[in-house]
Amino acid sequence: MTAANPTALVEVRSGHGRAADAPVVDIAGVEWPTHKVHAVIAALVVALIALTITGSASAVAWSSGVALVAVWWAERAWYALHPRP
């Protein structure tokens, strides 16, 4: 049995399809693009609302997942189309 090579598990692609000019937020020493932070916050808010309204774990999972993906990709596309000066 061989040990996994951690450097082989990380693929770095530069430039193409990336919102390189997106603003970042420093979280615990790691720079996160703001679209990721906004997506997580939106998913948490939607999860709390769905849990309050429905009480169904399935509804919470689906609605928060849809909110996360929608915010993540919408903001990522926005920053890709509207680069910062």
C-alpha atoms as a PDB file:
ATOM      1  CA  MET A   1       0.000   0.000   0.000  1.00  0.00           C
ATOM      2  CA  THR A   2       1.380   3.399  -0.913  1.00  0.00           C
ATOM      3  CA  ALA A   3       0.801   6.669   0.860  1.00  0.00           C
ATOM      4  CA  ALA A   4      -1.074   9.431  -0.918  1.00  0.00           C
ATOM      5  CA  ASN A   5       1.006  12.257  -2.263  1.00  0.00           C
ATOM      6  CA  PRO A   6      -0.726  15.463  -1.062  1.00  0.00           C
ATOM      7  CA  THR A   7       0.858  17.554  -3.802  1.00  0.00           C
ATOM      8  CA  ALA A   8      -0.680  15.295  -6.437  1.00  0.00           C
ATOM      9  CA  LEU A   9      -4.152  15.823  -4.969  1.00  0.00           C
ATOM     10  CA  VAL A  10      -4.111  19.556  -5.582  1.00  0.00           C
ATOM     11  CA  GLU A  11      -4.506  20.821  -9.101  1.00  0.00           C
ATOM     12  CA  VAL A  12      -3.755  24.464  -9.795  1.00  0.00           C
ATOM     13  CA  ARG A  13      -5.139  26.070 -12.911  1.00  0.00           C
ATOM     14  CA  SER A  14      -4.254  29.664 -13.548  1.00  0.00           C
ATOM     15  CA  GLY A  15      -6.461  32.220 -15.145  1.00  0.00           C
ATOM     16  CA  HIS A  16      -9.010  30.397 -17.254  1.00  0.00           C
ATOM     17  CA  GLY A  17     -12.560  30.590 -15.915  1.00  0.00           C
ATOM     18  CA  ARG A  18     -11.474  32.102 -12.646  1.00  0.00           C
ATOM     19  CA  ALA A  19     -12.740  35.304 -11.092  1.00  0.00           C
ATOM     20  CA  ALA A  20      -9.190  36.426 -10.357  1.00  0.00           C
ATOM     21  CA  ASP A  21     -10.196  40.006  -9.622  1.00  0.00           C
ATOM     22  CA  ALA A  22     -12.817  39.068  -7.044  1.00  0.00           C
ATOM     23  CA  PRO A  23     -12.307  40.723  -3.659  1.00  0.00           C
ATOM     24  CA  VAL A  24     -11.107  38.470  -0.868  1.00  0.00           C
ATOM     25  CA  VAL A  25     -11.705  38.182   2.872  1.00  0.00           C
ATOM     26  CA  ASP A  26      -9.086  36.896   5.303  1.00  0.00           C
ATOM     27  CA  ILE A  27     -10.552  34.048   7.379  1.00  0.00           C
ATOM     28  CA  ALA A  28      -8.151  32.367   9.811  1.00  0.00           C
ATOM     29  CA  GLY A  29      -5.169  33.332   7.668  1.00  0.00           C
ATOM     30  CA  VAL A  30      -6.695  32.072   4.412  1.00  0.00           C
ATOM     31  CA  GLU A  31      -7.934  34.413   1.692  1.00  0.00           C
ATOM     32  CA  TRP A  32     -11.473  33.467   0.663  1.00  0.00           C
ATOM     33  CA  PRO A  33     -13.186  35.121  -2.315  1.00  0.00           C
ATOM     34  CA  THR A  34     -16.165  37.105  -1.050  1.00  0.00           C
ATOM     35  CA  HIS A  35     -18.556  35.202  -3.313  1.00  0.00           C
ATOM     36  CA  LYS A  36     -17.836  32.052  -1.301  1.00  0.00           C
ATOM     37  CA  VAL A  37     -18.439  33.828   2.009  1.00  0.00           C
ATOM     38  CA  HIS A  38     -21.683  35.363   0.729  1.00  0.00           C
ATOM     39  CA  ALA A  39     -22.845  31.960  -0.526  1.00  0.00           C
ATOM     40  CA  VAL A  40     -22.267  30.302   2.851  1.00  0.00           C
ATOM     41  CA  ILE A  41     -24.049  33.124   4.686  1.00  0.00           C
ATOM     42  CA  ALA A  42     -26.995  32.987   2.270  1.00  0.00           C
ATOM     43  CA  ALA A  43     -27.254  29.206   2.712  1.00  0.00           C
ATOM     44  CA  LEU A  44     -27.302  29.559   6.504  1.00  0.00           C
ATOM     45  CA  VAL A  45     -30.008  32.227   6.395  1.00  0.00           C
ATOM     46  CA  VAL A  46     -32.141  30.200   3.982  1.00  0.00           C
ATOM     47  CA  ALA A  47     -31.645  27.079   6.127  1.00  0.00           C
ATOM     48  CA  LEU A  48     -32.867  28.881   9.246  1.00  0.00           C
ATOM     49  CA  ILE A  49     -35.886  30.280   7.418  1.00  0.00           C
ATOM     50  CA  ALA A  50     -36.759  26.908   5.866  1.00  0.00           C
ATOM     51  CA  LEU A  51     -36.373  25.149   9.209  1.00  0.00           C
ATOM     52  CA  THR A  52     -38.631  27.707  10.882  1.00  0.00           C
ATOM     53  CA  ILE A  53     -41.311  27.495   8.199  1.00  0.00           C
ATOM     54  CA  THR A  54     -41.311  23.792   7.318  1.00  0.00           C
ATOM     55  CA  GLY A  55     -39.469  21.923  10.062  1.00  0.00           C
ATOM     56  CA  SER A  56     -38.394  19.456   7.386  1.00  0.00           C
ATOM     57  CA  ALA A  57     -34.728  18.483   7.112  1.00  0.00           C
ATOM     58  CA  SER A  58     -35.214  17.644   3.451  1.00  0.00           C
ATOM     59  CA  ALA A  59     -36.610  21.102   2.680  1.00  0.00           C
ATOM     60  CA  VAL A  60     -33.761  22.718   4.608  1.00  0.00           C
ATOM     61  CA  ALA A  61     -31.116  20.738   2.721  1.00  0.00           C
ATOM     62  CA  TRP A  62     -32.571  21.422  -0.720  1.00  0.00           C
ATOM     63  CA  SER A  63     -33.342  25.105  -0.195  1.00  0.00           C
ATOM     64  CA  SER A  64     -30.004  25.932   1.424  1.00  0.00           C
ATOM     65  CA  GLY A  65     -28.145  23.980  -1.259  1.00  0.00           C
ATOM     66  CA  VAL A  66     -29.929  25.828  -4.034  1.00  0.00           C
ATOM     67  CA  ALA A  67     -29.250  29.177  -2.336  1.00  0.00           C
ATOM     68  CA  LEU A  68     -25.564  28.363  -1.890  1.00  0.00           C
ATOM     69  CA  VAL A  69     -25.031  27.356  -5.511  1.00  0.00           C
ATOM     70  CA  ALA A  70     -27.084  30.255  -6.894  1.00  0.00           C
ATOM     71  CA  VAL A  71     -25.238  32.933  -4.917  1.00  0.00           C
ATOM     72  CA  TRP A  72     -21.824  31.337  -5.480  1.00  0.00           C
ATOM     73  CA  TRP A  73     -22.143  31.117  -9.266  1.00  0.00           C
ATOM     74  CA  ALA A  74     -23.995  34.407  -9.730  1.00  0.00           C
ATOM     75  CA  GLU A  75     -21.353  36.413  -7.869  1.00  0.00           C
ATOM     76  CA  ARG A  76     -18.514  34.468  -9.464  1.00  0.00           C
ATOM     77  CA  ALA A  77     -19.934  35.243 -12.905  1.00  0.00           C
ATOM     78  CA  TRP A  78     -20.413  38.878 -11.930  1.00  0.00           C
ATOM     79  CA  TYR A  79     -16.762  39.291 -10.937  1.00  0.00           C
ATOM     80  CA  ALA A  80     -15.605  37.482 -14.066  1.00  0.00           C
ATOM     81  CA  LEU A  81     -17.629  39.847 -16.290  1.00  0.00           C
ATOM     82  CA  HIS A  82     -16.936  43.013 -14.295  1.00  0.00           C
ATOM     83  CA  PRO A  83     -13.268  43.052 -13.275  1.00  0.00           C
ATOM     84  CA  ARG A  84     -12.165  45.551 -10.673  1.00  0.00           C
ATOM     85  CA  PRO A  85     -10.062  48.483 -11.882  1.00  0.00           C
END
